[in-house]
Amino acid sequence: MGHDLALTAFRAIYDANVDYVHATLRRLGVTSAEVEDVAHDVFVAVVRHLHAYDPARPLRPWRRLCPWRRLRPWLRRASPSPRSTPSPPPRRPRRR
């Protein structure tokens, strides 16, 4: 993927998902002061994996799990107690 195409793809993914990522992180217990930092980690992961991005596949599974995956290491650093780590969001039944 060329640099301009990658930047365009990232911008489209960011613009379409930044509000969702922020809301998900707040819902999972990230304070307003820390949402930007954790969201930054989410989108750094997007950049690192952009080469594997397949626009033919739905973003919904990524949107659900990516914030959770970036949040887990952040919670481990922020809290010594593993019991304070929230559970991942529940899976929604598939629509047929």
N, C-alpha and C. Protein backbone atom coordinates (compact mmCIF):
# COMPACT_ATOMS: atom_id res chain seq x y z
N MET A 1 0.86 -1.17 0.00
CA MET A 1 0.00 0.00 0.00
C MET A 1 0.90 1.23 0.00
N GLY A 2 0.72 2.13 -0.96
CA GLY A 2 1.52 3.34 -1.04
C GLY A 2 1.24 4.27 0.13
N HIS A 3 2.18 5.18 0.40
CA HIS A 3 2.05 6.08 1.55
C HIS A 3 0.79 6.93 1.48
N ASP A 4 0.51 7.52 0.32
CA ASP A 4 -0.69 8.36 0.19
C ASP A 4 -1.96 7.55 0.37
N LEU A 5 -1.98 6.35 -0.19
CA LEU A 5 -3.14 5.47 -0.04
C LEU A 5 -3.30 5.04 1.41
N ALA A 6 -2.18 4.73 2.08
CA ALA A 6 -2.23 4.33 3.49
C ALA A 6 -2.73 5.48 4.35
N LEU A 7 -2.27 6.69 4.08
CA LEU A 7 -2.72 7.86 4.84
C LEU A 7 -4.21 8.10 4.62
N THR A 8 -4.66 7.95 3.39
CA THR A 8 -6.09 8.11 3.08
C THR A 8 -6.91 7.04 3.80
N ALA A 9 -6.44 5.80 3.78
CA ALA A 9 -7.15 4.71 4.45
C ALA A 9 -7.19 4.95 5.96
N PHE A 10 -6.05 5.37 6.53
CA PHE A 10 -6.03 5.64 7.97
C PHE A 10 -6.99 6.77 8.31
N ARG A 11 -6.96 7.84 7.54
CA ARG A 11 -7.85 8.98 7.82
C ARG A 11 -9.30 8.55 7.79
N ALA A 12 -9.67 7.73 6.82
CA ALA A 12 -11.05 7.24 6.71
C ALA A 12 -11.42 6.39 7.93
N ILE A 13 -10.51 5.49 8.33
CA ILE A 13 -10.77 4.64 9.50
C ILE A 13 -10.85 5.49 10.76
N TYR A 14 -9.92 6.43 10.92
CA TYR A 14 -9.92 7.30 12.10
C TYR A 14 -11.21 8.11 12.18
N ASP A 15 -11.54 8.80 11.11
CA ASP A 15 -12.73 9.65 11.11
C ASP A 15 -14.00 8.86 11.40
N ALA A 16 -14.09 7.66 10.87
CA ALA A 16 -15.29 6.84 11.05
C ALA A 16 -15.37 6.21 12.44
N ASN A 17 -14.23 6.11 13.16
CA ASN A 17 -14.23 5.33 14.39
C ASN A 17 -13.77 6.06 15.64
N VAL A 18 -13.25 7.27 15.54
CA VAL A 18 -12.68 7.94 16.71
C VAL A 18 -13.74 8.15 17.80
N ASP A 19 -14.95 8.56 17.45
CA ASP A 19 -15.98 8.77 18.46
C ASP A 19 -16.35 7.45 19.14
N TYR A 20 -16.46 6.39 18.34
CA TYR A 20 -16.78 5.08 18.90
C TYR A 20 -15.69 4.61 19.86
N VAL A 21 -14.43 4.77 19.47
CA VAL A 21 -13.31 4.34 20.31
C VAL A 21 -13.32 5.12 21.62
N HIS A 22 -13.50 6.43 21.56
CA HIS A 22 -13.55 7.24 22.77
C HIS A 22 -14.69 6.80 23.68
N ALA A 23 -15.88 6.61 23.11
CA ALA A 23 -17.04 6.19 23.90
C ALA A 23 -16.82 4.82 24.53
N THR A 24 -16.24 3.90 23.77
CA THR A 24 -15.97 2.56 24.29
C THR A 24 -14.99 2.62 25.45
N LEU A 25 -13.94 3.40 25.31
CA LEU A 25 -12.95 3.51 26.38
C LEU A 25 -13.56 4.13 27.63
N ARG A 26 -14.39 5.15 27.46
CA ARG A 26 -15.06 5.74 28.64
C ARG A 26 -15.99 4.73 29.29
N ARG A 27 -16.70 3.96 28.47
CA ARG A 27 -17.62 2.95 28.99
C ARG A 27 -16.85 1.85 29.74
N LEU A 28 -15.61 1.58 29.32
CA LEU A 28 -14.79 0.56 29.99
C LEU A 28 -14.05 1.11 31.21
N GLY A 29 -14.28 2.38 31.55
CA GLY A 29 -13.74 2.91 32.78
C GLY A 29 -12.54 3.83 32.66
N VAL A 30 -12.12 4.16 31.46
CA VAL A 30 -10.99 5.08 31.28
C VAL A 30 -11.49 6.48 31.61
N THR A 31 -10.74 7.20 32.43
CA THR A 31 -11.14 8.56 32.80
C THR A 31 -11.03 9.48 31.59
N SER A 32 -11.78 10.56 31.66
CA SER A 32 -11.77 11.54 30.56
C SER A 32 -10.37 12.06 30.29
N ALA A 33 -9.58 12.22 31.36
CA ALA A 33 -8.21 12.74 31.22
C ALA A 33 -7.30 11.75 30.50
N GLU A 34 -7.63 10.46 30.51
CA GLU A 34 -6.75 9.45 29.94
C GLU A 34 -7.26 8.85 28.63
N VAL A 35 -8.47 9.21 28.24
CA VAL A 35 -9.06 8.64 27.01
C VAL A 35 -8.17 8.91 25.81
N GLU A 36 -7.67 10.12 25.67
CA GLU A 36 -6.84 10.46 24.50
C GLU A 36 -5.59 9.57 24.42
N ASP A 37 -4.95 9.32 25.58
CA ASP A 37 -3.75 8.50 25.57
C ASP A 37 -4.04 7.07 25.13
N VAL A 38 -5.10 6.49 25.67
CA VAL A 38 -5.43 5.11 25.31
C VAL A 38 -5.93 5.05 23.87
N ALA A 39 -6.71 6.04 23.45
CA ALA A 39 -7.18 6.08 22.05
C ALA A 39 -5.99 6.21 21.11
N HIS A 40 -4.99 6.97 21.52
CA HIS A 40 -3.77 7.09 20.71
C HIS A 40 -3.16 5.71 20.51
N ASP A 41 -3.09 4.92 21.58
CA ASP A 41 -2.54 3.56 21.47
C ASP A 41 -3.36 2.71 20.51
N VAL A 42 -4.69 2.88 20.54
CA VAL A 42 -5.56 2.14 19.63
C VAL A 42 -5.20 2.47 18.19
N PHE A 43 -5.06 3.75 17.88
CA PHE A 43 -4.81 4.14 16.50
C PHE A 43 -3.36 3.91 16.08
N VAL A 44 -2.43 3.86 17.02
CA VAL A 44 -1.06 3.43 16.69
C VAL A 44 -1.11 1.97 16.23
N ALA A 45 -1.92 1.16 16.92
CA ALA A 45 -2.08 -0.24 16.50
C ALA A 45 -2.68 -0.32 15.10
N VAL A 46 -3.61 0.58 14.80
CA VAL A 46 -4.20 0.61 13.46
C VAL A 46 -3.12 0.88 12.42
N VAL A 47 -2.27 1.87 12.68
CA VAL A 47 -1.20 2.21 11.73
C VAL A 47 -0.26 1.02 11.54
N ARG A 48 0.08 0.36 12.64
CA ARG A 48 1.00 -0.79 12.56
C ARG A 48 0.42 -1.94 11.75
N HIS A 49 -0.90 -2.06 11.74
CA HIS A 49 -1.53 -3.18 11.05
C HIS A 49 -2.27 -2.76 9.78
N LEU A 50 -2.07 -1.53 9.35
CA LEU A 50 -2.77 -1.03 8.18
C LEU A 50 -2.44 -1.82 6.92
N HIS A 51 -1.23 -2.35 6.85
CA HIS A 51 -0.84 -3.14 5.67
C HIS A 51 -1.74 -4.36 5.49
N ALA A 52 -2.34 -4.83 6.59
CA ALA A 52 -3.20 -6.01 6.53
C ALA A 52 -4.68 -5.64 6.40
N TYR A 53 -4.97 -4.36 6.35
CA TYR A 53 -6.36 -3.91 6.27
C TYR A 53 -7.00 -4.37 4.97
N ASP A 54 -8.16 -5.00 5.09
CA ASP A 54 -8.92 -5.47 3.94
C ASP A 54 -10.26 -4.74 3.93
N PRO A 55 -10.42 -3.73 3.07
CA PRO A 55 -11.66 -2.96 3.08
C PRO A 55 -12.90 -3.80 2.74
N ALA A 56 -12.71 -5.00 2.23
CA ALA A 56 -13.86 -5.86 1.93
C ALA A 56 -14.42 -6.52 3.20
N ARG A 57 -13.65 -6.51 4.28
CA ARG A 57 -14.11 -7.12 5.53
C ARG A 57 -14.74 -6.07 6.43
N PRO A 58 -15.71 -6.47 7.25
CA PRO A 58 -16.38 -5.49 8.12
C PRO A 58 -15.45 -5.00 9.24
N LEU A 59 -15.62 -3.75 9.62
CA LEU A 59 -14.82 -3.17 10.71
C LEU A 59 -15.44 -3.43 12.09
N ARG A 60 -16.68 -3.88 12.14
CA ARG A 60 -17.37 -4.04 13.43
C ARG A 60 -16.59 -4.91 14.42
N PRO A 61 -16.09 -6.09 14.04
CA PRO A 61 -15.33 -6.88 15.02
C PRO A 61 -14.09 -6.15 15.52
N TRP A 62 -13.40 -5.46 14.64
CA TRP A 62 -12.22 -4.69 15.04
C TRP A 62 -12.64 -3.58 15.99
N ARG A 63 -13.72 -2.88 15.65
CA ARG A 63 -14.19 -1.77 16.49
C ARG A 63 -14.51 -2.23 17.89
N ARG A 64 -14.98 -3.44 18.02
CA ARG A 64 -15.36 -3.95 19.33
C ARG A 64 -14.13 -4.38 20.14
N LEU A 65 -13.18 -5.05 19.51
CA LEU A 65 -12.07 -5.64 20.24
C LEU A 65 -10.81 -4.79 20.33
N CYS A 66 -10.56 -3.96 19.35
CA CYS A 66 -9.31 -3.19 19.35
C CYS A 66 -9.19 -2.29 20.58
N PRO A 67 -10.21 -1.52 20.96
CA PRO A 67 -10.05 -0.71 22.18
C PRO A 67 -9.80 -1.58 23.41
N TRP A 68 -10.47 -2.74 23.49
CA TRP A 68 -10.28 -3.63 24.62
C TRP A 68 -8.83 -4.14 24.67
N ARG A 69 -8.30 -4.52 23.54
CA ARG A 69 -6.92 -5.04 23.50
C ARG A 69 -5.91 -3.96 23.91
N ARG A 70 -6.13 -2.73 23.51
CA ARG A 70 -5.22 -1.64 23.88
C ARG A 70 -5.42 -1.24 25.34
N LEU A 71 -6.62 -1.46 25.86
CA LEU A 71 -6.93 -1.07 27.24
C LEU A 71 -6.29 -2.02 28.26
N ARG A 72 -6.22 -3.28 27.95
CA ARG A 72 -5.70 -4.26 28.91
C ARG A 72 -4.29 -3.93 29.39
N PRO A 73 -3.32 -3.65 28.51
CA PRO A 73 -1.99 -3.30 29.02
C PRO A 73 -2.01 -1.99 29.82
N TRP A 74 -2.83 -1.05 29.40
CA TRP A 74 -2.94 0.21 30.11
C TRP A 74 -3.46 -0.01 31.52
N LEU A 75 -4.46 -0.87 31.67
CA LEU A 75 -5.00 -1.18 32.99
C LEU A 75 -3.97 -1.88 33.87
N ARG A 76 -3.18 -2.77 33.28
CA ARG A 76 -2.14 -3.46 34.06
C ARG A 76 -1.12 -2.46 34.59
N ARG A 77 -0.78 -1.46 33.79
CA ARG A 77 0.16 -0.44 34.26
C ARG A 77 -0.48 0.46 35.31
N ALA A 78 -1.76 0.76 35.13
CA ALA A 78 -2.44 1.72 36.01
C ALA A 78 -2.85 1.11 37.34
N SER A 79 -3.05 -0.19 37.40
CA SER A 79 -3.55 -0.82 38.62
C SER A 79 -2.82 -2.13 38.88
N PRO A 80 -2.31 -2.31 40.10
CA PRO A 80 -1.63 -3.56 40.40
C PRO A 80 -2.58 -4.74 40.58
N SER A 81 -3.87 -4.47 40.75
CA SER A 81 -4.82 -5.54 41.01
C SER A 81 -5.45 -6.06 39.73
N PRO A 82 -5.25 -7.34 39.39
CA PRO A 82 -5.88 -7.88 38.17
C PRO A 82 -7.39 -7.96 38.29
N ARG A 83 -7.91 -7.94 39.53
CA ARG A 83 -9.36 -8.01 39.72
C ARG A 83 -10.07 -6.75 39.24
N SER A 84 -9.33 -5.64 39.13
CA SER A 84 -9.96 -4.40 38.70
C SER A 84 -10.09 -4.30 37.19
N THR A 85 -9.56 -5.26 36.45
CA THR A 85 -9.65 -5.25 35.00
C THR A 85 -11.06 -5.64 34.58
N PRO A 86 -11.75 -4.78 33.83
CA PRO A 86 -13.12 -5.12 33.43
C PRO A 86 -13.13 -6.25 32.41
N SER A 87 -14.26 -6.89 32.32
CA SER A 87 -14.44 -7.94 31.33
C SER A 87 -14.60 -7.30 29.96
N PRO A 88 -14.26 -8.04 28.89
CA PRO A 88 -14.47 -7.48 27.55
C PRO A 88 -15.95 -7.28 27.30
N PRO A 89 -16.29 -6.40 26.38
CA PRO A 89 -17.71 -6.18 26.10
C PRO A 89 -18.36 -7.46 25.62
N PRO A 90 -19.63 -7.66 25.96
CA PRO A 90 -20.30 -8.90 25.54
C PRO A 90 -20.46 -8.96 24.04
N ARG A 91 -20.40 -10.17 23.52
CA ARG A 91 -20.60 -10.36 22.08
C ARG A 91 -22.07 -10.23 21.77
N ARG A 92 -22.34 -9.61 20.66
CA ARG A 92 -23.73 -9.51 20.21
C ARG A 92 -24.03 -10.69 19.30
N PRO A 93 -25.23 -11.23 19.40
CA PRO A 93 -25.55 -12.36 18.51
C PRO A 93 -25.49 -11.89 17.06
N ARG A 94 -25.04 -12.78 16.20
CA ARG A 94 -24.97 -12.45 14.77
C ARG A 94 -26.35 -12.37 14.17
N ARG A 95 -26.50 -11.39 13.31
CA ARG A 95 -27.77 -11.28 12.58
C ARG A 95 -27.67 -12.10 11.32
N ARG A 96 -28.71 -12.75 11.02
CA ARG A 96 -28.73 -13.56 9.79
C ARG A 96 -29.75 -13.06 8.84
